[in-house]
Amino acid sequence: MPAKITLAEAMGTCFGVQDAIDLALDPAFRDRLTIVGQLVHNPQVTERLLAHGVRIVERDQLDQITTPAVMITAHGASEATKAALRQRGFIVYDATCPLVIRLHKLARYLEREGWFPVIVGQADHVEVRGVVGNLRACAVVHDERDFEQLRGQARLGVVSQTTNRLDRVEQLVAAMRALPWVEALRFIDTICQPVKERQAAIGKLLACDIDLGIVIGGRNSANTAKLREAIAERGIPAFHIERPEELRAEWFAGKRHVGITAGTSTPQDVIAAVERRVREIVASLP
């Protein structure tokens, strides 16, 4: 009997990502726009932008911009980065997700109120770099090994990269509260609601007793990686793919129930293509 296939109740592009894509693909921008960094962490979206005449440069390649307009990605950037672009004479369009903007504002608010800002996240992630760039001093904490940065700071104001898993962030916050030199800690939950919904949907897939997980999204998508991680932690094989061509028939051999999910940067047509290929593979197995 072919394996059962269940799609996660919540998956694929969130409103912030979709708004950024729609803005960048506006016909008025054809051949006139450069995006500083990846608009969103998804290869198919990047390919569509390039086909639309949009140019993409990294943050250390500003000298290569030749279009009149530039766009800040959905992951955001520091105010200093935006100001530097305006000073160079570019028209700056900001596609930062509203929930990332909220993270920026709350980190600065905590600093103004006398808290030492702590961002739970990956220090090299573009979203976190943007937040850090707006603060006088702060620490980025990925795990307990980073706590040494906090030594001597009695009042911690903690926010999170928007794509984190809440359970992991709460564990780190509890560990920070227990540090002997910490007198007070204020935590503001800045994990975005669409990420939480997709993480909750993983829980429902697991409750359905899946024995294989297929997770769709850009290889460098943090929230997609965490969806795969949540399945794998239960001892269930889980594969992170970008395209249907990456699927392998041997993954499905002997499996009863396949769960499919996708990160917040993954377009619906990509999800549909992967689902079709999964059903083809499952139907072909003996």
Protein backbone atom coordinates (compact mmCIF):
# COMPACT_ATOMS: atom_id res chain seq x y z
CA MET A 1 0.00 0.00 0.00
CA PRO A 2 1.48 3.45 -0.95
CA ALA A 3 2.59 5.65 1.89
CA LYS A 4 0.17 8.27 3.17
CA ILE A 5 1.16 11.87 2.47
CA THR A 6 0.22 14.74 4.79
CA LEU A 7 0.93 18.41 4.18
CA ALA A 8 1.59 20.71 7.14
CA GLU A 9 -1.35 22.96 7.97
CA ALA A 10 0.88 26.06 7.80
CA MET A 11 3.85 26.29 5.44
CA GLY A 12 5.39 28.37 2.69
CA THR A 13 5.74 32.11 2.18
CA CYS A 14 4.60 34.41 4.97
CA PHE A 15 3.14 37.87 4.39
CA GLY A 16 6.44 39.68 4.93
CA VAL A 17 8.23 37.55 2.36
CA GLN A 18 5.39 37.77 -0.16
CA ASP A 19 5.19 41.55 0.19
CA ALA A 20 8.93 41.84 -0.45
CA ILE A 21 8.74 39.61 -3.54
CA ASP A 22 5.74 41.48 -4.94
CA LEU A 23 7.50 44.81 -4.44
CA ALA A 24 10.73 43.71 -6.13
CA LEU A 25 8.84 42.22 -9.09
CA ASP A 26 6.87 45.42 -9.73
CA PRO A 27 7.15 46.08 -13.50
CA ALA A 28 8.30 49.63 -12.75
CA PHE A 29 11.54 48.21 -11.32
CA ARG A 30 12.52 46.13 -14.36
CA ASP A 31 16.22 46.77 -15.10
CA ARG A 32 16.23 49.69 -12.63
CA LEU A 33 16.67 47.94 -9.26
CA THR A 34 19.54 46.43 -7.30
CA ILE A 35 18.91 44.40 -4.16
CA VAL A 36 21.60 44.49 -1.49
CA GLY A 37 21.82 40.82 -0.51
CA GLN A 38 19.31 38.02 -1.06
CA LEU A 39 15.77 39.43 -0.93
CA VAL A 40 14.68 36.22 0.76
CA HIS A 41 16.58 32.98 1.31
CA ASN A 42 15.14 30.98 -1.57
CA PRO A 43 16.89 30.09 -4.85
CA GLN A 44 13.76 30.08 -7.03
CA VAL A 45 12.86 33.59 -5.87
CA THR A 46 16.39 34.75 -6.67
CA GLU A 47 16.14 33.21 -10.15
CA ARG A 48 12.83 34.98 -10.82
CA LEU A 49 14.26 38.31 -9.72
CA LEU A 50 17.27 37.94 -12.01
CA ALA A 51 14.98 36.99 -14.90
CA HIS A 52 12.99 40.16 -14.19
CA GLY A 53 16.11 42.28 -14.65
CA VAL A 54 16.74 42.84 -10.95
CA ARG A 55 20.40 42.93 -9.97
CA ILE A 56 21.77 41.52 -6.73
CA VAL A 57 24.97 42.57 -4.94
CA GLU A 58 26.41 41.73 -1.56
CA ARG A 59 26.82 44.39 1.14
CA ASP A 60 30.52 44.73 0.43
CA GLN A 61 29.86 45.36 -3.29
CA LEU A 62 28.07 48.71 -3.16
CA ASP A 63 30.52 50.14 -5.68
CA GLN A 64 29.06 47.76 -8.26
CA ILE A 65 25.57 49.26 -8.12
CA THR A 66 24.67 51.00 -11.39
CA THR A 67 20.87 51.26 -11.06
CA PRO A 68 19.10 54.34 -9.68
CA ALA A 69 17.21 52.38 -7.05
CA VAL A 70 18.29 49.90 -4.38
CA MET A 71 16.22 47.70 -2.10
CA ILE A 72 16.78 46.52 1.46
CA THR A 73 15.94 42.82 1.82
CA ALA A 74 13.15 41.31 3.92
CA HIS A 75 15.79 40.55 6.58
CA GLY A 76 16.41 44.24 7.18
CA ALA A 77 19.54 46.35 7.60
CA SER A 78 20.94 48.86 10.04
CA GLU A 79 20.05 52.53 9.77
CA ALA A 80 23.73 53.21 9.03
CA THR A 81 23.56 50.95 5.96
CA LYS A 82 20.44 52.71 4.67
CA ALA A 83 22.00 56.13 5.28
CA ALA A 84 25.18 55.12 3.43
CA LEU A 85 23.11 54.10 0.41
CA ARG A 86 21.19 57.39 0.42
CA GLN A 87 24.44 59.35 0.72
CA ARG A 88 25.63 57.63 -2.45
CA GLY A 89 22.59 59.07 -4.22
CA PHE A 90 20.46 55.95 -4.52
CA ILE A 91 16.68 55.85 -4.09
CA VAL A 92 16.26 53.36 -1.23
CA TYR A 93 13.23 51.07 -1.06
CA ASP A 94 12.84 49.15 2.17
CA ALA A 95 11.35 45.64 1.91
CA THR A 96 12.12 44.78 5.54
CA CYS A 97 9.47 42.49 7.03
CA PRO A 98 7.31 44.43 9.54
CA LEU A 99 8.10 41.85 12.21
CA VAL A 100 11.84 42.37 11.69
CA ILE A 101 11.25 46.12 12.00
CA ARG A 102 9.52 45.38 15.32
CA LEU A 103 12.62 43.46 16.46
CA HIS A 104 14.85 46.45 15.57
CA LYS A 105 12.61 48.85 17.49
CA LEU A 106 12.38 46.65 20.58
CA ALA A 107 16.15 46.10 20.74
CA ARG A 108 16.72 49.87 20.64
CA TYR A 109 13.94 50.40 23.20
CA LEU A 110 15.58 48.00 25.66
CA GLU A 111 18.91 49.80 25.21
CA ARG A 112 17.28 53.20 25.86
CA GLU A 113 15.65 51.83 29.01
CA GLY A 114 19.00 50.83 30.46
CA TRP A 115 19.04 47.13 29.65
CA PHE A 116 22.08 45.48 28.05
CA PRO A 117 20.70 44.17 24.74
CA VAL A 118 21.05 40.45 24.05
CA ILE A 119 19.96 39.00 20.72
CA VAL A 120 19.37 35.25 20.69
CA GLY A 121 20.35 34.14 17.22
CA GLN A 122 23.14 33.52 14.74
CA ALA A 123 25.74 36.29 14.76
CA ASP A 124 26.47 35.91 11.04
CA HIS A 125 22.81 36.01 9.95
CA VAL A 126 21.88 39.09 7.94
CA GLU A 127 18.87 39.83 10.19
CA VAL A 128 20.98 39.79 13.34
CA ARG A 129 23.73 41.89 11.76
CA GLY A 130 21.15 44.55 10.96
CA VAL A 131 19.90 44.66 14.55
CA VAL A 132 23.42 44.77 15.99
CA GLY A 133 24.29 47.65 13.68
CA ASN A 134 21.72 49.87 15.41
CA LEU A 135 23.03 49.30 18.94
CA ARG A 136 25.91 50.90 20.84
CA ALA A 137 26.83 47.65 22.57
CA CYS A 138 25.17 44.24 22.72
CA ALA A 139 25.77 40.48 22.72
CA VAL A 140 24.57 37.80 20.32
CA VAL A 141 23.89 34.47 22.00
CA HIS A 142 23.44 31.25 20.05
CA ASP A 143 23.99 28.80 22.91
CA GLU A 144 25.31 28.64 26.46
CA ARG A 145 28.91 28.85 25.23
CA ASP A 146 28.25 32.49 24.38
CA PHE A 147 27.34 33.47 27.95
CA GLU A 148 30.86 34.69 28.66
CA GLN A 149 29.94 37.81 26.63
CA LEU A 150 27.39 38.63 29.32
CA ARG A 151 29.77 38.56 32.29
CA GLY A 152 29.41 41.69 34.41
CA GLN A 153 26.11 42.73 32.82
CA ALA A 154 23.55 42.88 35.63
CA ARG A 155 20.49 43.93 33.59
CA LEU A 156 19.80 41.92 30.44
CA GLY A 157 17.21 42.90 27.83
CA VAL A 158 16.66 39.87 25.60
CA VAL A 159 15.09 39.65 22.14
CA SER A 160 15.30 36.93 19.52
CA GLN A 161 16.03 36.52 15.84
CA THR A 162 12.55 36.22 14.34
CA THR A 163 13.11 32.71 12.95
CA ASN A 164 14.13 30.95 16.16
CA ARG A 165 12.33 28.11 17.90
CA LEU A 166 10.54 29.49 20.96
CA ASP A 167 11.28 26.46 23.13
CA ARG A 168 15.01 26.83 22.56
CA VAL A 169 14.94 30.60 23.20
CA GLU A 170 13.01 30.09 26.44
CA GLN A 171 15.61 27.55 27.59
CA LEU A 172 18.40 30.06 26.96
CA VAL A 173 16.50 32.85 28.71
CA ALA A 174 16.01 30.63 31.78
CA ALA A 175 19.74 29.83 31.79
CA MET A 176 20.60 33.54 31.54
CA ARG A 177 18.35 34.36 34.49
CA ALA A 178 20.33 31.86 36.57
CA LEU A 179 23.71 33.50 35.88
CA PRO A 180 25.10 34.64 39.26
CA TRP A 181 25.81 38.20 38.14
CA VAL A 182 22.40 38.83 36.55
CA GLU A 183 20.16 40.91 38.80
CA ALA A 184 17.29 41.46 36.37
CA LEU A 185 16.30 40.19 32.95
CA ARG A 186 13.55 41.34 30.62
CA PHE A 187 12.62 39.09 27.70
CA ILE A 188 10.46 40.31 24.81
CA ASP A 189 9.35 37.54 22.45
CA THR A 190 10.18 38.72 18.90
CA ILE A 191 9.82 35.37 17.12
CA CYS A 192 7.41 36.03 14.28
CA GLN A 193 3.92 34.53 14.31
CA PRO A 194 4.20 32.80 10.89
CA VAL A 195 7.34 31.00 12.13
CA LYS A 196 5.49 29.91 15.27
CA GLU A 197 2.57 28.67 13.16
CA ARG A 198 4.89 26.59 10.99
CA GLN A 199 6.61 25.18 14.07
CA ALA A 200 3.23 24.31 15.60
CA ALA A 201 2.26 22.58 12.36
CA ILE A 202 5.35 20.36 12.73
CA GLY A 203 3.96 19.26 16.08
CA LYS A 204 0.73 18.23 14.41
CA LEU A 205 2.60 16.29 11.73
CA LEU A 206 4.51 14.45 14.43
CA ALA A 207 1.24 13.72 16.23
CA CYS A 208 0.02 12.10 12.99
CA ASP A 209 2.85 9.55 13.38
CA ILE A 210 4.84 10.43 10.27
CA ASP A 211 7.95 8.33 9.69
CA LEU A 212 9.57 10.57 7.05
CA GLY A 213 9.80 14.36 6.77
CA ILE A 214 10.39 16.40 3.62
CA VAL A 215 11.23 20.04 4.37
CA ILE A 216 11.33 22.49 1.45
CA GLY A 217 13.29 25.73 1.43
CA GLY A 218 16.51 27.53 0.64
CA ARG A 219 19.63 25.86 1.92
CA ASN A 220 20.52 29.03 3.84
CA SER A 221 17.02 29.58 5.24
CA ALA A 222 17.30 29.55 9.03
CA ASN A 223 13.63 28.86 9.73
CA THR A 224 13.56 25.99 7.20
CA ALA A 225 16.57 24.38 8.85
CA LYS A 226 14.83 24.57 12.22
CA LEU A 227 11.74 22.80 10.83
CA ARG A 228 13.92 19.90 9.71
CA GLU A 229 15.67 19.96 13.08
CA ALA A 230 12.34 19.68 14.93
CA ILE A 231 11.46 16.50 13.01
CA ALA A 232 14.92 14.95 13.24
CA GLU A 233 15.01 15.48 17.02
CA ARG A 234 12.21 12.90 17.26
CA GLY A 235 14.42 10.33 15.55
CA ILE A 236 12.51 10.61 12.27
CA PRO A 237 14.45 10.86 8.99
CA ALA A 238 14.01 14.39 7.62
CA PHE A 239 15.45 15.83 4.41
CA HIS A 240 15.88 19.53 3.63
CA ILE A 241 15.54 20.09 -0.12
CA GLU A 242 15.29 23.11 -2.41
CA ARG A 243 13.85 21.44 -5.52
CA PRO A 244 11.82 18.34 -6.47
CA GLU A 245 14.81 17.00 -8.45
CA GLU A 246 16.62 16.44 -5.15
CA LEU A 247 14.13 13.81 -3.96
CA ARG A 248 15.45 10.24 -3.88
CA ALA A 249 13.23 7.17 -4.19
CA GLU A 250 15.25 5.27 -1.57
CA TRP A 251 14.16 7.76 1.09
CA PHE A 252 10.58 6.52 0.75
CA ALA A 253 11.21 2.77 0.72
CA GLY A 254 9.25 1.10 3.51
CA LYS A 255 7.76 4.37 4.80
CA ARG A 256 4.13 4.48 5.91
CA HIS A 257 3.48 8.20 6.33
CA VAL A 258 5.30 11.14 4.73
CA GLY A 259 4.97 14.66 6.15
CA ILE A 260 5.73 17.66 3.94
CA THR A 261 6.42 21.18 5.17
CA ALA A 262 8.22 24.31 3.96
CA GLY A 263 9.89 27.42 5.34
CA THR A 264 8.51 30.95 5.26
CA SER A 265 10.51 31.86 2.12
CA THR A 266 9.28 28.96 -0.02
CA PRO A 267 6.80 29.82 -2.82
CA GLN A 268 3.63 27.78 -3.11
CA ASP A 269 4.39 26.62 -6.65
CA VAL A 270 7.66 25.09 -5.43
CA ILE A 271 5.77 23.26 -2.68
CA ALA A 272 3.24 21.99 -5.23
CA ALA A 273 6.01 20.73 -7.53
CA VAL A 274 7.66 18.84 -4.65
CA GLU A 275 4.32 17.35 -3.58
CA ARG A 276 3.65 16.11 -7.14
CA ARG A 277 7.05 14.47 -7.30
CA VAL A 278 6.61 12.85 -3.88
CA ARG A 279 3.30 11.38 -5.00
CA GLU A 280 4.90 10.07 -8.21
CA ILE A 281 7.68 8.40 -6.25
CA VAL A 282 5.35 6.90 -3.67
CA ALA A 283 3.00 5.57 -6.37
CA SER A 284 5.92 3.91 -8.20
CA LEU A 285 7.22 1.97 -5.23
CA PRO A 286 6.37 -1.73 -4.94
